[in-house]
């Protein structure tokens, strides 16, 4: 059986990232089209979201986040390993068996979903900048 090459997370086109001098390999110059709040978000050291909070990955490895429109590195995030995946599965299982969502009243669920909708609307411009090349 032939071995497949591991698929890289970077764009398939021929553009190459500019050389940069920061530790994440992120080129701030190519992020100038983003608002200040989006740039601050991209500059953060993103971890894993487990048990309702940001947590560090077991591995210190990072994954580069590429802008598909430019081929430039714009951010980095934690690279989860098998132990991190196990933690995520256990977190999901605990949430399921605790019935934390199903056990809420319909009015409480409505309040939470409406708050989420308000946040999406409030941060719509930032979300659009992150989603649109």
N, C-alpha and C. Protein backbone atom coordinates (compact mmCIF):
# COMPACT_ATOMS: atom_id res chain seq x y z
N UNK A 1 0.84 -1.17 0.00
CA UNK A 1 0.00 0.00 0.00
C UNK A 1 0.89 1.24 0.00
N UNK A 2 0.65 2.14 -0.91
CA UNK A 2 1.49 3.33 -1.00
C UNK A 2 1.12 4.33 0.08
N UNK A 3 2.14 5.03 0.53
CA UNK A 3 1.89 6.04 1.56
C UNK A 3 1.55 7.36 0.91
N UNK A 4 0.53 8.00 1.42
CA UNK A 4 0.15 9.31 0.91
C UNK A 4 0.93 10.39 1.65
N UNK A 5 1.24 11.45 0.94
CA UNK A 5 1.88 12.58 1.60
C UNK A 5 0.84 13.29 2.46
N UNK A 6 1.28 13.72 3.63
CA UNK A 6 0.38 14.45 4.51
C UNK A 6 0.01 15.78 3.84
N UNK A 7 -1.28 16.05 3.77
CA UNK A 7 -1.76 17.27 3.14
C UNK A 7 -1.40 18.47 4.01
N UNK A 8 -0.78 19.45 3.41
CA UNK A 8 -0.40 20.65 4.14
C UNK A 8 -1.60 21.57 4.28
N UNK A 9 -1.57 22.42 5.29
CA UNK A 9 -2.68 23.33 5.53
C UNK A 9 -2.51 24.66 4.80
N UNK A 10 -1.51 24.77 3.96
CA UNK A 10 -1.32 26.04 3.26
C UNK A 10 -1.96 25.99 1.88
N UNK A 11 -2.24 27.13 1.31
CA UNK A 11 -2.91 27.18 0.01
C UNK A 11 -2.13 26.44 -1.07
N UNK A 12 -2.83 25.98 -2.08
CA UNK A 12 -2.20 25.21 -3.15
C UNK A 12 -1.58 26.06 -4.24
N UNK A 13 -1.88 27.35 -4.28
CA UNK A 13 -1.33 28.18 -5.34
C UNK A 13 0.15 28.44 -5.11
N UNK A 14 0.80 29.08 -6.06
CA UNK A 14 2.25 29.21 -6.06
C UNK A 14 2.80 30.38 -5.23
N UNK A 15 1.92 31.23 -4.66
CA UNK A 15 2.42 32.35 -3.88
C UNK A 15 3.19 31.84 -2.66
N UNK A 16 4.26 32.51 -2.34
CA UNK A 16 5.04 32.14 -1.17
C UNK A 16 4.93 33.25 -0.13
N UNK A 17 4.94 32.88 1.15
CA UNK A 17 4.89 33.91 2.18
C UNK A 17 6.14 34.79 2.13
N UNK A 18 5.96 36.06 2.46
CA UNK A 18 7.11 36.94 2.56
C UNK A 18 7.95 36.53 3.75
N UNK A 19 9.24 36.81 3.67
CA UNK A 19 10.05 36.52 4.84
C UNK A 19 9.74 37.57 5.90
N UNK A 20 9.58 37.13 7.11
CA UNK A 20 9.26 38.03 8.21
C UNK A 20 10.16 37.72 9.38
N UNK A 21 10.22 38.63 10.31
CA UNK A 21 11.14 38.47 11.43
C UNK A 21 10.44 38.22 12.76
N UNK A 22 9.20 37.77 12.75
CA UNK A 22 8.57 37.48 14.03
C UNK A 22 8.43 35.99 14.20
N UNK A 23 8.20 35.56 15.44
CA UNK A 23 8.26 34.14 15.76
C UNK A 23 7.18 33.29 15.12
N UNK A 24 6.02 33.87 14.80
CA UNK A 24 4.96 33.07 14.20
C UNK A 24 5.08 32.99 12.68
N UNK A 25 5.97 33.77 12.08
CA UNK A 25 6.05 33.80 10.64
C UNK A 25 4.89 34.55 10.02
N UNK A 26 4.27 35.42 10.78
CA UNK A 26 3.12 36.17 10.31
C UNK A 26 3.58 37.52 9.81
N UNK A 27 3.10 37.90 8.67
CA UNK A 27 3.50 39.16 8.06
C UNK A 27 2.45 40.24 8.35
N UNK A 28 2.69 41.12 9.34
CA UNK A 28 1.70 42.12 9.70
C UNK A 28 1.36 43.07 8.55
N UNK A 29 2.31 43.31 7.64
CA UNK A 29 2.07 44.23 6.52
C UNK A 29 0.87 43.79 5.69
N UNK A 30 0.71 42.50 5.47
CA UNK A 30 -0.38 42.01 4.64
C UNK A 30 -1.70 41.91 5.38
N UNK A 31 -1.70 42.28 6.65
CA UNK A 31 -2.94 42.29 7.40
C UNK A 31 -3.46 43.71 7.57
N UNK A 32 -2.87 44.68 6.87
CA UNK A 32 -3.27 46.07 7.05
C UNK A 32 -4.71 46.32 6.61
N UNK A 33 -5.28 45.42 5.84
CA UNK A 33 -6.67 45.60 5.42
C UNK A 33 -7.64 45.26 6.53
N UNK A 34 -7.16 44.70 7.64
CA UNK A 34 -8.01 44.35 8.77
C UNK A 34 -8.11 45.53 9.74
N UNK A 35 -9.24 45.62 10.43
CA UNK A 35 -9.41 46.65 11.46
C UNK A 35 -8.46 46.35 12.62
N UNK A 36 -8.30 47.34 13.49
CA UNK A 36 -7.41 47.17 14.64
C UNK A 36 -7.87 46.03 15.54
N UNK A 37 -9.18 45.89 15.73
CA UNK A 37 -9.68 44.82 16.61
C UNK A 37 -9.41 43.44 16.01
N UNK A 38 -9.52 43.32 14.69
CA UNK A 38 -9.24 42.04 14.03
C UNK A 38 -7.74 41.75 14.10
N UNK A 39 -6.91 42.76 13.89
CA UNK A 39 -5.46 42.55 13.99
C UNK A 39 -5.08 42.11 15.40
N UNK A 40 -5.71 42.71 16.43
CA UNK A 40 -5.42 42.29 17.80
C UNK A 40 -5.81 40.83 18.01
N UNK A 41 -6.94 40.43 17.44
CA UNK A 41 -7.38 39.04 17.55
C UNK A 41 -6.38 38.11 16.87
N UNK A 42 -5.93 38.48 15.67
CA UNK A 42 -4.99 37.64 14.93
C UNK A 42 -3.63 37.55 15.63
N UNK A 43 -3.27 38.58 16.38
CA UNK A 43 -1.98 38.60 17.07
C UNK A 43 -1.96 37.75 18.34
N UNK A 44 -3.11 37.35 18.84
CA UNK A 44 -3.17 36.56 20.08
C UNK A 44 -2.59 35.17 19.86
N UNK A 45 -2.12 34.58 20.95
CA UNK A 45 -1.68 33.19 20.94
C UNK A 45 -2.90 32.31 21.18
N UNK A 46 -3.51 31.82 20.13
CA UNK A 46 -4.73 31.02 20.26
C UNK A 46 -4.40 29.61 20.69
N UNK A 47 -5.15 29.14 21.67
CA UNK A 47 -4.99 27.78 22.16
C UNK A 47 -6.16 26.93 21.70
N UNK A 48 -6.54 25.99 22.54
CA UNK A 48 -7.67 25.10 22.26
C UNK A 48 -8.83 25.51 23.15
N UNK A 49 -10.03 25.42 22.63
CA UNK A 49 -11.21 25.77 23.42
C UNK A 49 -11.81 24.48 23.96
N UNK A 50 -11.58 24.22 25.24
CA UNK A 50 -12.06 23.00 25.89
C UNK A 50 -12.72 23.37 27.21
N UNK A 51 -13.77 22.68 27.55
CA UNK A 51 -14.47 22.90 28.82
C UNK A 51 -14.83 24.37 29.03
N UNK A 52 -15.20 25.03 27.95
CA UNK A 52 -15.67 26.41 28.05
C UNK A 52 -14.59 27.46 28.23
N UNK A 53 -13.33 27.11 27.97
CA UNK A 53 -12.25 28.08 28.15
C UNK A 53 -11.08 27.77 27.21
N UNK A 54 -10.29 28.81 26.92
CA UNK A 54 -9.06 28.63 26.15
C UNK A 54 -8.06 27.87 27.02
N UNK A 55 -7.45 26.85 26.44
CA UNK A 55 -6.44 26.07 27.16
C UNK A 55 -5.25 25.84 26.25
N UNK A 56 -4.10 25.69 26.85
CA UNK A 56 -2.89 25.41 26.08
C UNK A 56 -2.95 23.98 25.54
N UNK A 57 -2.39 23.79 24.37
CA UNK A 57 -2.27 22.44 23.81
C UNK A 57 -1.14 21.72 24.52
N UNK A 58 -1.23 20.40 24.58
CA UNK A 58 -0.15 19.61 25.20
C UNK A 58 1.15 19.83 24.44
N UNK A 59 1.06 19.85 23.13
CA UNK A 59 2.21 20.12 22.28
C UNK A 59 2.42 21.63 22.19
N UNK A 60 3.64 22.05 22.05
CA UNK A 60 3.90 23.48 21.86
C UNK A 60 3.93 23.84 20.38
N UNK A 61 3.59 22.89 19.52
CA UNK A 61 3.60 23.15 18.09
C UNK A 61 2.49 24.13 17.72
N UNK A 62 2.72 24.88 16.65
CA UNK A 62 1.76 25.86 16.16
C UNK A 62 1.43 25.54 14.70
N UNK A 63 0.22 25.86 14.30
CA UNK A 63 -0.20 25.77 12.90
C UNK A 63 -0.32 27.18 12.35
N UNK A 64 0.17 27.39 11.16
CA UNK A 64 0.05 28.69 10.52
C UNK A 64 -1.32 28.80 9.87
N UNK A 65 -1.94 29.96 10.02
CA UNK A 65 -3.22 30.26 9.37
C UNK A 65 -2.90 31.12 8.15
N UNK A 66 -3.33 30.66 6.98
CA UNK A 66 -3.02 31.32 5.71
C UNK A 66 -4.22 32.09 5.19
N UNK A 67 -3.97 33.27 4.64
CA UNK A 67 -5.01 34.02 3.95
C UNK A 67 -5.10 33.44 2.54
N UNK A 68 -6.22 32.80 2.18
CA UNK A 68 -6.30 32.15 0.87
C UNK A 68 -6.26 33.14 -0.29
N UNK A 69 -6.59 34.39 -0.05
CA UNK A 69 -6.58 35.38 -1.13
C UNK A 69 -5.17 35.82 -1.49
N UNK A 70 -4.27 35.84 -0.50
CA UNK A 70 -2.92 36.34 -0.74
C UNK A 70 -1.84 35.28 -0.59
N UNK A 71 -2.17 34.17 0.06
CA UNK A 71 -1.16 33.15 0.33
C UNK A 71 -0.24 33.54 1.47
N UNK A 72 -0.57 34.61 2.19
CA UNK A 72 0.28 35.10 3.27
C UNK A 72 -0.16 34.52 4.61
N UNK A 73 0.81 34.30 5.47
CA UNK A 73 0.52 33.87 6.84
C UNK A 73 -0.07 35.05 7.59
N UNK A 74 -1.21 34.84 8.27
CA UNK A 74 -1.84 35.94 9.00
C UNK A 74 -1.95 35.68 10.49
N UNK A 75 -1.82 34.43 10.92
CA UNK A 75 -1.95 34.11 12.34
C UNK A 75 -1.39 32.71 12.58
N UNK A 76 -1.39 32.32 13.84
CA UNK A 76 -1.03 30.94 14.16
C UNK A 76 -1.96 30.47 15.27
N UNK A 77 -2.12 29.17 15.37
CA UNK A 77 -2.98 28.58 16.38
C UNK A 77 -2.33 27.31 16.91
N UNK A 78 -2.82 26.83 18.02
CA UNK A 78 -2.27 25.61 18.62
C UNK A 78 -2.48 24.42 17.69
N UNK A 79 -1.51 23.53 17.66
CA UNK A 79 -1.59 22.30 16.87
C UNK A 79 -1.90 21.16 17.84
N UNK A 80 -3.15 20.73 17.85
CA UNK A 80 -3.58 19.69 18.79
C UNK A 80 -2.97 18.34 18.42
N UNK A 81 -2.59 17.58 19.45
CA UNK A 81 -2.10 16.22 19.21
C UNK A 81 -3.17 15.23 19.68
N UNK A 82 -2.86 13.96 19.68
CA UNK A 82 -3.84 12.92 20.04
C UNK A 82 -4.36 13.10 21.46
N UNK A 83 -3.49 13.47 22.39
CA UNK A 83 -3.93 13.68 23.77
C UNK A 83 -4.91 14.85 23.86
N UNK A 84 -4.67 15.89 23.07
CA UNK A 84 -5.59 17.03 23.05
C UNK A 84 -6.95 16.62 22.49
N UNK A 85 -6.93 15.78 21.47
CA UNK A 85 -8.19 15.29 20.90
C UNK A 85 -8.94 14.47 21.94
N UNK A 86 -8.22 13.64 22.67
CA UNK A 86 -8.86 12.86 23.75
C UNK A 86 -9.49 13.78 24.79
N UNK A 87 -8.79 14.86 25.15
CA UNK A 87 -9.35 15.83 26.10
C UNK A 87 -10.61 16.47 25.54
N UNK A 88 -10.61 16.78 24.25
CA UNK A 88 -11.80 17.39 23.62
C UNK A 88 -12.97 16.42 23.61
N UNK A 89 -12.70 15.16 23.32
CA UNK A 89 -13.76 14.14 23.32
C UNK A 89 -14.34 13.99 24.73
N UNK A 90 -13.47 13.95 25.73
CA UNK A 90 -13.95 13.83 27.11
C UNK A 90 -14.75 15.07 27.53
N UNK A 91 -14.32 16.23 27.08
CA UNK A 91 -15.05 17.46 27.38
C UNK A 91 -16.45 17.41 26.77
N UNK A 92 -16.53 16.97 25.52
CA UNK A 92 -17.83 16.85 24.86
C UNK A 92 -18.70 15.82 25.57
N UNK A 93 -18.09 14.72 26.00
CA UNK A 93 -18.85 13.68 26.70
C UNK A 93 -19.40 14.22 28.03
N UNK A 94 -18.56 14.94 28.77
CA UNK A 94 -19.03 15.52 30.04
C UNK A 94 -20.19 16.48 29.80
N UNK A 95 -20.10 17.28 28.76
CA UNK A 95 -21.19 18.21 28.45
C UNK A 95 -22.46 17.45 28.09
N UNK A 96 -22.31 16.35 27.36
CA UNK A 96 -23.48 15.55 26.96
C UNK A 96 -24.15 14.90 28.17
N UNK A 97 -23.37 14.24 29.02
CA UNK A 97 -23.96 13.51 30.15
C UNK A 97 -24.47 14.46 31.24
N UNK A 98 -23.91 15.66 31.31
CA UNK A 98 -24.39 16.61 32.32
C UNK A 98 -25.73 17.21 31.94
N UNK A 99 -26.10 17.07 30.68
CA UNK A 99 -27.35 17.62 30.16
C UNK A 99 -27.43 19.12 30.44
N UNK A 100 -26.29 19.79 30.38
CA UNK A 100 -26.25 21.22 30.70
C UNK A 100 -27.11 22.04 29.75
N UNK A 101 -27.26 21.61 28.50
CA UNK A 101 -28.12 22.33 27.56
C UNK A 101 -29.55 21.79 27.62
N UNK A 102 -29.69 20.49 27.53
CA UNK A 102 -31.02 19.89 27.53
C UNK A 102 -31.75 20.14 28.84
N UNK A 103 -31.02 20.31 29.92
CA UNK A 103 -31.63 20.54 31.21
C UNK A 103 -32.09 21.97 31.44
N UNK A 104 -31.75 22.86 30.53
CA UNK A 104 -32.15 24.27 30.67
C UNK A 104 -33.61 24.44 30.24
N UNK A 105 -34.23 25.45 30.78
CA UNK A 105 -35.61 25.74 30.38
C UNK A 105 -35.61 26.33 28.97
N UNK A 106 -36.71 26.23 28.25
CA UNK A 106 -36.79 26.85 26.93
C UNK A 106 -36.50 28.36 26.99
N UNK A 107 -36.98 29.03 28.01
CA UNK A 107 -36.73 30.47 28.13
C UNK A 107 -35.24 30.76 28.32
N UNK A 108 -34.55 29.93 29.08
CA UNK A 108 -33.11 30.10 29.29
C UNK A 108 -32.35 29.87 27.99
N UNK A 109 -32.73 28.82 27.25
CA UNK A 109 -32.08 28.55 25.97
C UNK A 109 -32.32 29.71 24.99
N UNK A 110 -33.55 30.24 25.00
CA UNK A 110 -33.86 31.38 24.13
C UNK A 110 -32.97 32.57 24.48
N UNK A 111 -32.82 32.85 25.77
CA UNK A 111 -31.99 33.97 26.21
C UNK A 111 -30.55 33.81 25.73
N UNK A 112 -30.01 32.60 25.85
CA UNK A 112 -28.63 32.33 25.43
C UNK A 112 -28.48 32.50 23.93
N UNK A 113 -29.40 31.94 23.15
CA UNK A 113 -29.32 32.04 21.69
C UNK A 113 -29.50 33.48 21.22
N UNK A 114 -30.39 34.23 21.85
CA UNK A 114 -30.56 35.63 21.47
C UNK A 114 -29.31 36.44 21.82
N UNK A 115 -28.66 36.13 22.92
CA UNK A 115 -27.40 36.80 23.28
C UNK A 115 -26.33 36.49 22.24
N UNK A 116 -26.27 35.24 21.81
CA UNK A 116 -25.32 34.85 20.76
C UNK A 116 -25.61 35.63 19.48
N UNK A 117 -26.88 35.72 19.09
CA UNK A 117 -27.26 36.47 17.89
C UNK A 117 -26.86 37.94 18.01
N UNK A 118 -27.05 38.52 19.20
CA UNK A 118 -26.65 39.91 19.42
C UNK A 118 -25.14 40.08 19.24
N UNK A 119 -24.36 39.13 19.75
CA UNK A 119 -22.90 39.20 19.61
C UNK A 119 -22.47 39.07 18.16
N UNK A 120 -23.12 38.18 17.41
CA UNK A 120 -22.80 38.04 15.98
C UNK A 120 -23.10 39.34 15.26
N UNK A 121 -24.24 39.94 15.57
CA UNK A 121 -24.60 41.21 14.94
C UNK A 121 -23.64 42.32 15.35
N UNK A 122 -23.30 42.38 16.62
CA UNK A 122 -22.39 43.40 17.14
C UNK A 122 -21.01 43.30 16.50
N UNK A 123 -20.55 42.09 16.23
CA UNK A 123 -19.20 41.88 15.68
C UNK A 123 -19.25 41.45 14.22
N UNK A 124 -20.32 41.78 13.53
CA UNK A 124 -20.49 41.37 12.14
C UNK A 124 -19.37 41.84 11.23
N UNK A 125 -18.92 43.08 11.40
CA UNK A 125 -17.86 43.61 10.55
C UNK A 125 -16.56 42.83 10.75
N UNK A 126 -16.21 42.54 11.99
CA UNK A 126 -14.99 41.77 12.25
C UNK A 126 -15.10 40.35 11.70
N UNK A 127 -16.27 39.74 11.87
CA UNK A 127 -16.47 38.39 11.32
C UNK A 127 -16.35 38.41 9.80
N UNK A 128 -16.90 39.44 9.17
CA UNK A 128 -16.81 39.55 7.71
C UNK A 128 -15.36 39.69 7.26
N UNK A 129 -14.56 40.46 8.00
CA UNK A 129 -13.15 40.63 7.64
C UNK A 129 -12.40 39.31 7.74
N UNK A 130 -12.73 38.51 8.74
CA UNK A 130 -12.05 37.22 8.92
C UNK A 130 -12.50 36.20 7.89
N UNK A 131 -13.73 36.29 7.43
CA UNK A 131 -14.29 35.32 6.49
C UNK A 131 -14.06 35.67 5.03
N UNK A 132 -13.85 36.94 4.73
CA UNK A 132 -13.78 37.38 3.34
C UNK A 132 -12.35 37.67 2.93
N UNK A 133 -11.88 37.02 1.88
CA UNK A 133 -10.52 37.32 1.40
C UNK A 133 -10.43 38.69 0.77
